[in-house]
Amino acid sequence: MAPSRATPQREASAEAPGHDEFLASLTEFAIDRGINVDFKNRVAGKTIDLHRLYDIVTSRGGYDAVSGEKLAWRKIGGDFNLGSANAAAYAFALKTTYYKNLA
C-alpha cells in the first residue's frame, strides 16, 4: 500500500490549539488592512502553514529579530523540512511569505 501523501506537519498544525482562531483573526486583519492573504503558500513544493510559521518566528523574537540573525530564515526552513539543496532560496521564500501575509 502506498504511503499517505499528507505530511505530519500539516496534520499536527490542523489540530493545533488556536489554529482556527488564528486564521479567523488573520482574515479579519487582512480585511481591515485591505490586503489579500494567501493561505496556500508553497515553498519547495510544500504548503506552509501560516499559523506554524507565525508561532516559530514569534518564538524567535519576531520578524526583525529573525531577519537580523544570520541564517535564521534557513533554520526556520529546517523546521519545515524544506531540505538544504536550495536553502538560500527557500529561506528567502519563507521570509517573503511571512512579510506578505503576517507582517
PDB file of N, CA and C in Angstrom:
ATOM      1  N   MET A   1       0.841  -1.178   0.000  1.00  0.00           N
ATOM      2  CA  MET A   1       0.000   0.000   0.000  1.00  0.00           C
ATOM      3  C   MET A   1       0.887   1.242   0.000  1.00  0.00           C
ATOM      4  N   ALA A   2       0.532   2.235  -0.787  1.00  0.00           N
ATOM      5  CA  ALA A   2       1.312   3.468  -0.891  1.00  0.00           C
ATOM      6  C   ALA A   2       1.167   4.306   0.369  1.00  0.00           C
ATOM      7  N   PRO A   3       2.254   5.004   0.746  1.00  0.00           N
ATOM      8  CA  PRO A   3       2.169   5.852   1.935  1.00  0.00           C
ATOM      9  C   PRO A   3       1.239   7.037   1.696  1.00  0.00           C
ATOM     10  N   SER A   4       0.690   7.557   2.767  1.00  0.00           N
ATOM     11  CA  SER A   4      -0.206   8.694   2.695  1.00  0.00           C
ATOM     12  C   SER A   4       0.551   9.918   2.206  1.00  0.00           C
ATOM     13  N   ARG A   5      -0.108  10.757   1.428  1.00  0.00           N
ATOM     14  CA  ARG A   5       0.520  11.968   0.921  1.00  0.00           C
ATOM     15  C   ARG A   5       0.502  13.096   1.955  1.00  0.00           C
ATOM     16  N   ALA A   6      -0.320  12.987   2.970  1.00  0.00           N
ATOM     17  CA  ALA A   6      -0.384  14.035   3.994  1.00  0.00           C
ATOM     18  C   ALA A   6       0.892  14.025   4.815  1.00  0.00           C
ATOM     19  N   THR A   7       1.418  15.197   5.060  1.00  0.00           N
ATOM     20  CA  THR A   7       2.637  15.295   5.844  1.00  0.00           C
ATOM     21  C   THR A   7       2.286  15.446   7.318  1.00  0.00           C
ATOM     22  N   PRO A   8       3.128  14.944   8.216  1.00  0.00           N
ATOM     23  CA  PRO A   8       2.839  15.064   9.635  1.00  0.00           C
ATOM     24  C   PRO A   8       2.674  16.510  10.090  1.00  0.00           C
ATOM     25  N   GLN A   9       3.445  17.454   9.524  1.00  0.00           N
ATOM     26  CA  GLN A   9       3.350  18.837   9.955  1.00  0.00           C
ATOM     27  C   GLN A   9       1.975  19.417   9.644  1.00  0.00           C
ATOM     28  N   ARG A  10       1.385  19.049   8.524  1.00  0.00           N
ATOM     29  CA  ARG A  10       0.063  19.567   8.188  1.00  0.00           C
ATOM     30  C   ARG A  10      -0.986  18.994   9.109  1.00  0.00           C
ATOM     31  N   GLU A  11      -0.894  17.718   9.417  1.00  0.00           N
ATOM     32  CA  GLU A  11      -1.859  17.108  10.311  1.00  0.00           C
ATOM     33  C   GLU A  11      -1.759  17.709  11.705  1.00  0.00           C
ATOM     34  N   ALA A  12      -0.551  17.900  12.177  1.00  0.00           N
ATOM     35  CA  ALA A  12      -0.352  18.449  13.508  1.00  0.00           C
ATOM     36  C   ALA A  12      -0.835  19.888  13.584  1.00  0.00           C
ATOM     37  N   SER A  13      -0.558  20.681  12.548  1.00  0.00           N
ATOM     38  CA  SER A  13      -0.937  22.083  12.594  1.00  0.00           C
ATOM     39  C   SER A  13      -2.445  22.257  12.506  1.00  0.00           C
ATOM     40  N   ALA A  14      -3.124  21.379  11.766  1.00  0.00           N
ATOM     41  CA  ALA A  14      -4.563  21.487  11.650  1.00  0.00           C
ATOM     42  C   ALA A  14      -5.229  21.225  12.991  1.00  0.00           C
ATOM     43  N   GLU A  15      -4.592  20.465  13.852  1.00  0.00           N
ATOM     44  CA  GLU A  15      -5.152  20.151  15.150  1.00  0.00           C
ATOM     45  C   GLU A  15      -4.575  21.030  16.259  1.00  0.00           C
ATOM     46  N   ALA A  16      -3.654  21.910  15.918  1.00  0.00           N
ATOM     47  CA  ALA A  16      -3.015  22.750  16.925  1.00  0.00           C
ATOM     48  C   ALA A  16      -4.053  23.641  17.593  1.00  0.00           C
ATOM     49  N   PRO A  17      -3.943  23.799  18.899  1.00  0.00           N
ATOM     50  CA  PRO A  17      -4.887  24.668  19.601  1.00  0.00           C
ATOM     51  C   PRO A  17      -4.808  26.099  19.071  1.00  0.00           C
ATOM     52  N   GLY A  18      -5.940  26.690  18.833  1.00  0.00           N
ATOM     53  CA  GLY A  18      -5.984  28.061  18.375  1.00  0.00           C
ATOM     54  C   GLY A  18      -5.799  28.249  16.883  1.00  0.00           C
ATOM     55  N   HIS A  19      -5.657  27.162  16.137  1.00  0.00           N
ATOM     56  CA  HIS A  19      -5.411  27.271  14.699  1.00  0.00           C
ATOM     57  C   HIS A  19      -6.558  27.993  13.991  1.00  0.00           C
ATOM     58  N   ASP A  20      -7.780  27.571  14.244  1.00  0.00           N
ATOM     59  CA  ASP A  20      -8.930  28.190  13.584  1.00  0.00           C
ATOM     60  C   ASP A  20      -9.097  29.647  14.003  1.00  0.00           C
ATOM     61  N   GLU A  21      -8.858  29.927  15.286  1.00  0.00           N
ATOM     62  CA  GLU A  21      -8.966  31.295  15.776  1.00  0.00           C
ATOM     63  C   GLU A  21      -7.906  32.189  15.125  1.00  0.00           C
ATOM     64  N   PHE A  22      -6.703  31.635  14.967  1.00  0.00           N
ATOM     65  CA  PHE A  22      -5.624  32.384  14.321  1.00  0.00           C
ATOM     66  C   PHE A  22      -6.011  32.743  12.894  1.00  0.00           C
ATOM     67  N   LEU A  23      -6.505  31.774  12.143  1.00  0.00           N
ATOM     68  CA  LEU A  23      -6.884  32.033  10.756  1.00  0.00           C
ATOM     69  C   LEU A  23      -8.022  33.048  10.670  1.00  0.00           C
ATOM     70  N   ALA A  24      -8.968  32.978  11.613  1.00  0.00           N
ATOM     71  CA  ALA A  24     -10.074  33.935  11.624  1.00  0.00           C
ATOM     72  C   ALA A  24      -9.565  35.348  11.919  1.00  0.00           C
ATOM     73  N   SER A  25      -8.669  35.480  12.885  1.00  0.00           N
ATOM     74  CA  SER A  25      -8.139  36.808  13.202  1.00  0.00           C
ATOM     75  C   SER A  25      -7.242  37.326  12.075  1.00  0.00           C
ATOM     76  N   LEU A  26      -6.522  36.443  11.400  1.00  0.00           N
ATOM     77  CA  LEU A  26      -5.697  36.845  10.264  1.00  0.00           C
ATOM     78  C   LEU A  26      -6.574  37.341   9.112  1.00  0.00           C
ATOM     79  N   THR A  27      -7.668  36.666   8.886  1.00  0.00           N
ATOM     80  CA  THR A  27      -8.604  37.082   7.839  1.00  0.00           C
ATOM     81  C   THR A  27      -9.175  38.458   8.166  1.00  0.00           C
ATOM     82  N   GLU A  28      -9.565  38.668   9.416  1.00  0.00           N
ATOM     83  CA  GLU A  28     -10.092  39.964   9.841  1.00  0.00           C
ATOM     84  C   GLU A  28      -9.032  41.058   9.694  1.00  0.00           C
ATOM     85  N   PHE A  29      -7.802  40.748  10.091  1.00  0.00           N
ATOM     86  CA  PHE A  29      -6.688  41.673   9.963  1.00  0.00           C
ATOM     87  C   PHE A  29      -6.477  42.066   8.504  1.00  0.00           C
ATOM     88  N   ALA A  30      -6.534  41.089   7.614  1.00  0.00           N
ATOM     89  CA  ALA A  30      -6.331  41.347   6.185  1.00  0.00           C
ATOM     90  C   ALA A  30      -7.439  42.228   5.622  1.00  0.00           C
ATOM     91  N   ILE A  31      -8.660  41.974   6.032  1.00  0.00           N
ATOM     92  CA  ILE A  31      -9.786  42.785   5.554  1.00  0.00           C
ATOM     93  C   ILE A  31      -9.637  44.219   6.036  1.00  0.00           C
ATOM     94  N   ASP A  32      -9.257  44.394   7.310  1.00  0.00           N
ATOM     95  CA  ASP A  32      -9.071  45.738   7.864  1.00  0.00           C
ATOM     96  C   ASP A  32      -7.981  46.510   7.130  1.00  0.00           C
ATOM     97  N   ARG A  33      -6.924  45.837   6.740  1.00  0.00           N
ATOM     98  CA  ARG A  33      -5.795  46.491   6.054  1.00  0.00           C
ATOM     99  C   ARG A  33      -5.985  46.553   4.545  1.00  0.00           C
ATOM    100  N   GLY A  34      -6.975  45.842   4.036  1.00  0.00           N
ATOM    101  CA  GLY A  34      -7.228  45.830   2.596  1.00  0.00           C
ATOM    102  C   GLY A  34      -6.188  45.051   1.814  1.00  0.00           C
ATOM    103  N   ILE A  35      -5.678  43.971   2.419  1.00  0.00           N
ATOM    104  CA  ILE A  35      -4.689  43.137   1.743  1.00  0.00           C
ATOM    105  C   ILE A  35      -5.255  41.745   1.519  1.00  0.00           C
ATOM    106  N   ASN A  36      -4.631  41.020   0.615  1.00  0.00           N
ATOM    107  CA  ASN A  36      -5.007  39.634   0.370  1.00  0.00           C
ATOM    108  C   ASN A  36      -4.010  38.728   1.069  1.00  0.00           C
ATOM    109  N   VAL A  37      -4.518  37.730   1.761  1.00  0.00           N
ATOM    110  CA  VAL A  37      -3.661  36.744   2.411  1.00  0.00           C
ATOM    111  C   VAL A  37      -3.766  35.452   1.626  1.00  0.00           C
ATOM    112  N   ASP A  38      -2.625  34.913   1.260  1.00  0.00           N
ATOM    113  CA  ASP A  38      -2.588  33.648   0.536  1.00  0.00           C
ATOM    114  C   ASP A  38      -2.428  32.525   1.558  1.00  0.00           C
ATOM    115  N   PHE A  39      -3.494  31.789   1.795  1.00  0.00           N
ATOM    116  CA  PHE A  39      -3.469  30.713   2.789  1.00  0.00           C
ATOM    117  C   PHE A  39      -2.851  29.433   2.252  1.00  0.00           C
ATOM    118  N   LYS A  40      -2.516  29.409   0.959  1.00  0.00           N
ATOM    119  CA  LYS A  40      -1.952  28.200   0.350  1.00  0.00           C
ATOM    120  C   LYS A  40      -0.544  28.476  -0.178  1.00  0.00           C
ATOM    121  N   ASN A  41       0.272  29.106   0.645  1.00  0.00           N
ATOM    122  CA  ASN A  41       1.654  29.391   0.255  1.00  0.00           C
ATOM    123  C   ASN A  41       2.422  28.093   0.112  1.00  0.00           C
ATOM    124  N   ARG A  42       3.252  28.043  -0.918  1.00  0.00           N
ATOM    125  CA  ARG A  42       4.071  26.852  -1.150  1.00  0.00           C
ATOM    126  C   ARG A  42       5.524  27.275  -1.283  1.00  0.00           C
ATOM    127  N   VAL A  43       6.369  26.532  -0.605  1.00  0.00           N
ATOM    128  CA  VAL A  43       7.815  26.720  -0.705  1.00  0.00           C
ATOM    129  C   VAL A  43       8.400  25.332  -0.897  1.00  0.00           C
ATOM    130  N   ALA A  44       9.209  25.171  -1.901  1.00  0.00           N
ATOM    131  CA  ALA A  44       9.835  23.880  -2.214  1.00  0.00           C
ATOM    132  C   ALA A  44       8.785  22.781  -2.377  1.00  0.00           C
ATOM    133  N   GLY A  45       7.640  23.143  -2.924  1.00  0.00           N
ATOM    134  CA  GLY A  45       6.586  22.168  -3.166  1.00  0.00           C
ATOM    135  C   GLY A  45       5.790  21.774  -1.936  1.00  0.00           C
ATOM    136  N   LYS A  46       6.039  22.442  -0.809  1.00  0.00           N
ATOM    137  CA  LYS A  46       5.322  22.120   0.430  1.00  0.00           C
ATOM    138  C   LYS A  46       4.470  23.306   0.838  1.00  0.00           C
ATOM    139  N   THR A  47       3.262  23.007   1.305  1.00  0.00           N
ATOM    140  CA  THR A  47       2.383  24.052   1.789  1.00  0.00           C
ATOM    141  C   THR A  47       2.891  24.546   3.133  1.00  0.00           C
ATOM    142  N   ILE A  48       2.982  25.855   3.272  1.00  0.00           N
ATOM    143  CA  ILE A  48       3.462  26.467   4.503  1.00  0.00           C
ATOM    144  C   ILE A  48       2.265  26.899   5.335  1.00  0.00           C
ATOM    145  N   ASP A  49       2.154  26.335   6.528  1.00  0.00           N
ATOM    146  CA  ASP A  49       1.085  26.681   7.454  1.00  0.00           C
ATOM    147  C   ASP A  49       1.433  28.025   8.091  1.00  0.00           C
ATOM    148  N   LEU A  50       0.615  29.043   7.822  1.00  0.00           N
ATOM    149  CA  LEU A  50       0.902  30.380   8.324  1.00  0.00           C
ATOM    150  C   LEU A  50       0.882  30.444   9.847  1.00  0.00           C
ATOM    151  N   HIS A  51       0.011  29.676  10.464  1.00  0.00           N
ATOM    152  CA  HIS A  51      -0.040  29.663  11.934  1.00  0.00           C
ATOM    153  C   HIS A  51       1.265  29.126  12.505  1.00  0.00           C
ATOM    154  N   ARG A  52       1.750  28.064  11.947  1.00  0.00           N
ATOM    155  CA  ARG A  52       3.009  27.481  12.419  1.00  0.00           C
ATOM    156  C   ARG A  52       4.170  28.436  12.151  1.00  0.00           C
ATOM    157  N   LEU A  53       4.203  29.043  10.974  1.00  0.00           N
ATOM    158  CA  LEU A  53       5.256  29.998  10.646  1.00  0.00           C
ATOM    159  C   LEU A  53       5.236  31.168  11.628  1.00  0.00           C
ATOM    160  N   TYR A  54       4.057  31.681  11.920  1.00  0.00           N
ATOM    161  CA  TYR A  54       3.919  32.784  12.866  1.00  0.00           C
ATOM    162  C   TYR A  54       4.438  32.380  14.250  1.00  0.00           C
ATOM    163  N   ASP A  55       4.043  31.209  14.718  1.00  0.00           N
ATOM    164  CA  ASP A  55       4.493  30.736  16.034  1.00  0.00           C
ATOM    165  C   ASP A  55       6.013  30.594  16.095  1.00  0.00           C
ATOM    166  N   ILE A  56       6.603  30.044  15.055  1.00  0.00           N
ATOM    167  CA  ILE A  56       8.058  29.842  15.038  1.00  0.00           C
ATOM    168  C   ILE A  56       8.781  31.187  15.040  1.00  0.00           C
ATOM    169  N   VAL A  57       8.340  32.102  14.196  1.00  0.00           N
ATOM    170  CA  VAL A  57       9.011  33.396  14.099  1.00  0.00           C
ATOM    171  C   VAL A  57       8.847  34.192  15.393  1.00  0.00           C
ATOM    172  N   THR A  58       7.657  34.208  15.967  1.00  0.00           N
ATOM    173  CA  THR A  58       7.467  34.964  17.210  1.00  0.00           C
ATOM    174  C   THR A  58       8.227  34.330  18.368  1.00  0.00           C
ATOM    175  N   SER A  59       8.382  33.026  18.359  1.00  0.00           N
ATOM    176  CA  SER A  59       9.148  32.382  19.434  1.00  0.00           C
ATOM    177  C   SER A  59      10.630  32.723  19.345  1.00  0.00           C
ATOM    178  N   ARG A  60      11.080  33.154  18.173  1.00  0.00           N
ATOM    179  CA  ARG A  60      12.484  33.548  17.982  1.00  0.00           C
ATOM    180  C   ARG A  60      12.669  35.061  18.067  1.00  0.00           C
ATOM    181  N   GLY A  61      11.642  35.770  18.500  1.00  0.00           N
ATOM    182  CA  GLY A  61      11.765  37.208  18.714  1.00  0.00           C
ATOM    183  C   GLY A  61      11.067  38.086  17.705  1.00  0.00           C
ATOM    184  N   GLY A  62      10.412  37.511  16.705  1.00  0.00           N
ATOM    185  CA  GLY A  62       9.690  38.292  15.710  1.00  0.00           C
ATOM    186  C   GLY A  62      10.465  38.464  14.414  1.00  0.00           C
ATOM    187  N   TYR A  63       9.799  39.087  13.461  1.00  0.00           N
ATOM    188  CA  TYR A  63      10.348  39.242  12.114  1.00  0.00           C
ATOM    189  C   TYR A  63      11.684  39.968  12.117  1.00  0.00           C
ATOM    190  N   ASP A  64      11.768  41.097  12.811  1.00  0.00           N
ATOM    191  CA  ASP A  64      13.004  41.886  12.805  1.00  0.00           C
ATOM    192  C   ASP A  64      14.160  41.128  13.448  1.00  0.00           C
ATOM    193  N   ALA A  65      13.885  40.441  14.549  1.00  0.00           N
ATOM    194  CA  ALA A  65      14.941  39.684  15.226  1.00  0.00           C
ATOM    195  C   ALA A  65      15.442  38.540  14.347  1.00  0.00           C
ATOM    196  N   VAL A  66      14.517  37.840  13.710  1.00  0.00           N
ATOM    197  CA  VAL A  66      14.899  36.720  12.838  1.00  0.00           C
ATOM    198  C   VAL A  66      15.670  37.243  11.626  1.00  0.00           C
ATOM    199  N   SER A  67      15.201  38.342  11.063  1.00  0.00           N
ATOM    200  CA  SER A  67      15.868  38.907   9.888  1.00  0.00           C
ATOM    201  C   SER A  67      17.255  39.436  10.238  1.00  0.00           C
ATOM    202  N   GLY A  68      17.444  39.867  11.465  1.00  0.00           N
ATOM    203  CA  GLY A  68      18.737  40.386  11.881  1.00  0.00           C
ATOM    204  C   GLY A  68      19.745  39.322  12.262  1.00  0.00           C
ATOM    205  N   GLU A  69      19.273  38.103  12.460  1.00  0.00           N
ATOM    206  CA  GLU A  69      20.160  36.997  12.847  1.00  0.00           C
ATOM    207  C   GLU A  69      20.653  36.271  11.595  1.00  0.00           C
ATOM    208  N   LYS A  70      21.915  36.021  11.541  1.00  0.00           N
ATOM    209  CA  LYS A  70      22.499  35.349  10.389  1.00  0.00           C
ATOM    210  C   LYS A  70      21.946  33.921  10.244  1.00  0.00           C
ATOM    211  N   LEU A  71      21.492  33.596   9.075  1.00  0.00           N
ATOM    212  CA  LEU A  71      20.982  32.266   8.694  1.00  0.00           C
ATOM    213  C   LEU A  71      19.729  31.829   9.448  1.00  0.00           C
ATOM    214  N   ALA A  72      19.055  32.729  10.130  1.00  0.00           N
ATOM    215  CA  ALA A  72      17.872  32.355  10.909  1.00  0.00           C
ATOM    216  C   ALA A  72      16.733  31.847  10.030  1.00  0.00           C
ATOM    217  N   TRP A  73      16.522  32.477   8.879  1.00  0.00           N
ATOM    218  CA  TRP A  73      15.445  32.018   7.999  1.00  0.00           C
ATOM    219  C   TRP A  73      15.761  30.630   7.436  1.00  0.00           C
ATOM    220  N   ARG A  74      17.037  30.322   7.248  1.00  0.00           N
ATOM    221  CA  ARG A  74      17.412  28.967   6.814  1.00  0.00           C
ATOM    222  C   ARG A  74      17.085  27.956   7.907  1.00  0.00           C
ATOM    223  N   LYS A  75      17.314  28.332   9.164  1.00  0.00           N
ATOM    224  CA  LYS A  75      16.989  27.438  10.281  1.00  0.00           C
ATOM    225  C   LYS A  75      15.489  27.196  10.349  1.00  0.00           C
ATOM    226  N   ILE A  76      14.712  28.222  10.101  1.00  0.00           N
ATOM    227  CA  ILE A  76      13.254  28.064  10.077  1.00  0.00           C
ATOM    228  C   ILE A  76      12.851  27.150   8.924  1.00  0.00           C
ATOM    229  N   GLY A  77      13.539  27.270   7.804  1.00  0.00           N
ATOM    230  CA  GLY A  77      13.297  26.347   6.688  1.00  0.00           C
ATOM    231  C   GLY A  77      13.534  24.912   7.110  1.00  0.00           C
ATOM    232  N   GLY A  78      14.513  24.694   7.977  1.00  0.00           N
ATOM    233  CA  GLY A  78      14.758  23.355   8.525  1.00  0.00           C
ATOM    234  C   GLY A  78      13.594  22.867   9.364  1.00  0.00           C
ATOM    235  N   ASP A  79      12.926  23.789  10.065  1.00  0.00           N
ATOM    236  CA  ASP A  79      11.748  23.424  10.858  1.00  0.00           C
ATOM    237  C   ASP A  79      10.606  22.930   9.981  1.00  0.00           C
ATOM    238  N   PHE A  80      10.599  23.379   8.730  1.00  0.00           N
ATOM    239  CA  PHE A  80       9.567  22.949   7.777  1.00  0.00           C
ATOM    240  C   PHE A  80      10.052  21.821   6.873  1.00  0.00           C
ATOM    241  N   ASN A  81      11.233  21.288   7.153  1.00  0.00           N
ATOM    242  CA  ASN A  81      11.805  20.188   6.365  1.00  0.00           C
ATOM    243  C   ASN A  81      11.870  20.524   4.878  1.00  0.00           C
ATOM    244  N   LEU A  82      12.376  21.706   4.568  1.00  0.00           N
ATOM    245  CA  LEU A  82      12.456  22.129   3.173  1.00  0.00           C
ATOM    246  C   LEU A  82      13.686  21.587   2.465  1.00  0.00           C
ATOM    247  N   GLY A  83      14.615  21.047   3.205  1.00  0.00           N
ATOM    248  CA  GLY A  83      15.815  20.496   2.599  1.00  0.00           C
ATOM    249  C   GLY A  83      16.914  21.540   2.532  1.00  0.00           C
ATOM    250  N   SER A  84      18.076  21.097   2.099  1.00  0.00           N
ATOM    251  CA  SER A  84      19.217  22.009   2.068  1.00  0.00           C
ATOM    252  C   SER A  84      19.716  22.287   0.655  1.00  0.00           C
ATOM    253  N   ALA A  85      19.089  21.698  -0.338  1.00  0.00           N
ATOM    254  CA  ALA A  85      19.554  21.851  -1.711  1.00  0.00           C
ATOM    255  C   ALA A  85      19.571  23.318  -2.148  1.00  0.00           C
ATOM    256  N   ASN A  86      18.527  24.039  -1.909  1.00  0.00           N
ATOM    257  CA  ASN A  86      18.431  25.457  -2.262  1.00  0.00           C
ATOM    258  C   ASN A  86      18.042  26.254  -1.021  1.00  0.00           C
ATOM    259  N   ALA A  87      18.773  26.058   0.052  1.00  0.00           N
ATOM    260  CA  ALA A  87      18.413  26.644   1.336  1.00  0.00           C
ATOM    261  C   ALA A  87      18.267  28.162   1.265  1.00  0.00           C
ATOM    262  N   ALA A  88      19.133  28.833   0.525  1.00  0.00           N
ATOM    263  CA  ALA A  88      19.048  30.295   0.434  1.00  0.00           C
ATOM    264  C   ALA A  88      17.745  30.729  -0.242  1.00  0.00           C
ATOM    265  N   ALA A  89      17.357  30.040  -1.294  1.00  0.00           N
ATOM    266  CA  ALA A  89      16.115  30.373  -1.995  1.00  0.00           C
ATOM    267  C   ALA A  89      14.905  30.064  -1.118  1.00  0.00           C
ATOM    268  N   TYR A  90      14.930  28.943  -0.407  1.00  0.00           N
ATOM    269  CA  TYR A  90      13.828  28.577   0.480  1.00  0.00           C
ATOM    270  C   TYR A  90      13.706  29.575   1.617  1.00  0.00           C
ATOM    271  N   ALA A  91      14.843  30.007   2.155  1.00  0.00           N
ATOM    272  CA  ALA A  91      14.844  30.981   3.243  1.00  0.00           C
ATOM    273  C   ALA A  91      14.225  32.295   2.773  1.00  0.00           C
ATOM    274  N   PHE A  92      14.599  32.743   1.583  1.00  0.00           N
ATOM    275  CA  PHE A  92      14.038  33.975   1.041  1.00  0.00           C
ATOM    276  C   PHE A  92      12.531  33.828   0.815  1.00  0.00           C
ATOM    277  N   ALA A  93      12.108  32.684   0.310  1.00  0.00           N
ATOM    278  CA  ALA A  93      10.679  32.447   0.068  1.00  0.00           C
ATOM    279  C   ALA A  93       9.900  32.449   1.379  1.00  0.00           C
ATOM    280  N   LEU A  94      10.457  31.859   2.438  1.00  0.00           N
ATOM    281  CA  LEU A  94       9.791  31.873   3.750  1.00  0.00           C
ATOM    282  C   LEU A  94       9.694  33.297   4.289  1.00  0.00           C
ATOM    283  N   LYS A  95      10.777  34.027   4.180  1.00  0.00           N
ATOM    284  CA  LYS A  95      10.808  35.409   4.654  1.00  0.00           C
ATOM    285  C   LYS A  95       9.772  36.248   3.903  1.00  0.00           C
ATOM    286  N   THR A  96       9.701  36.068   2.607  1.00  0.00           N
ATOM    287  CA  THR A  96       8.730  36.792   1.789  1.00  0.00           C
ATOM    288  C   THR A  96       7.305  36.393   2.146  1.00  0.00           C
ATOM    289  N   THR A  97       7.080  35.114   2.362  1.00  0.00           N
ATOM    290  CA  THR A  97       5.757  34.622   2.754  1.00  0.00           C
ATOM    291  C   THR A  97       5.324  35.273   4.060  1.00  0.00           C
ATOM    292  N   TYR A  98       6.234  35.309   5.031  1.00  0.00           N
ATOM    293  CA  TYR A  98       5.918  35.914   6.324  1.00  0.00           C
ATOM    294  C   TYR A  98       5.611  37.402   6.129  1.00  0.00           C
ATOM    295  N   TYR A  99       6.476  38.100   5.417  1.00  0.00           N
ATOM    296  CA  TYR A  99       6.308  39.543   5.239  1.00  0.00           C
ATOM    297  C   TYR A  99       5.005  39.896   4.531  1.00  0.00           C
ATOM    298  N   LYS A 100       4.681  39.165   3.487  1.00  0.00           N
ATOM    299  CA  LYS A 100       3.476  39.457   2.708  1.00  0.00           C
ATOM    300  C   LYS A 100       2.190  39.162   3.477  1.00  0.00           C
ATOM    301  N   ASN A 101       2.209  38.115   4.275  1.00  0.00           N
ATOM    302  CA  ASN A 101       0.971  37.653   4.900  1.00  0.00           C
ATOM    303  C   ASN A 101       0.837  37.941   6.388  1.00  0.00           C
ATOM    304  N   LEU A 102       1.943  38.119   7.080  1.00  0.00           N
ATOM    305  CA  LEU A 102       1.859  38.205   8.536  1.00  0.00           C
ATOM    306  C   LEU A 102       2.471  39.460   9.149  1.00  0.00           C
ATOM    307  N   ALA A 103       3.259  40.199   8.407  1.00  0.00           N
ATOM    308  CA  ALA A 103       3.934  41.371   8.991  1.00  0.00           C
ATOM    309  C   ALA A 103       3.086  42.611   8.875  1.00  0.00           C
TER     310      ALA A 103
END
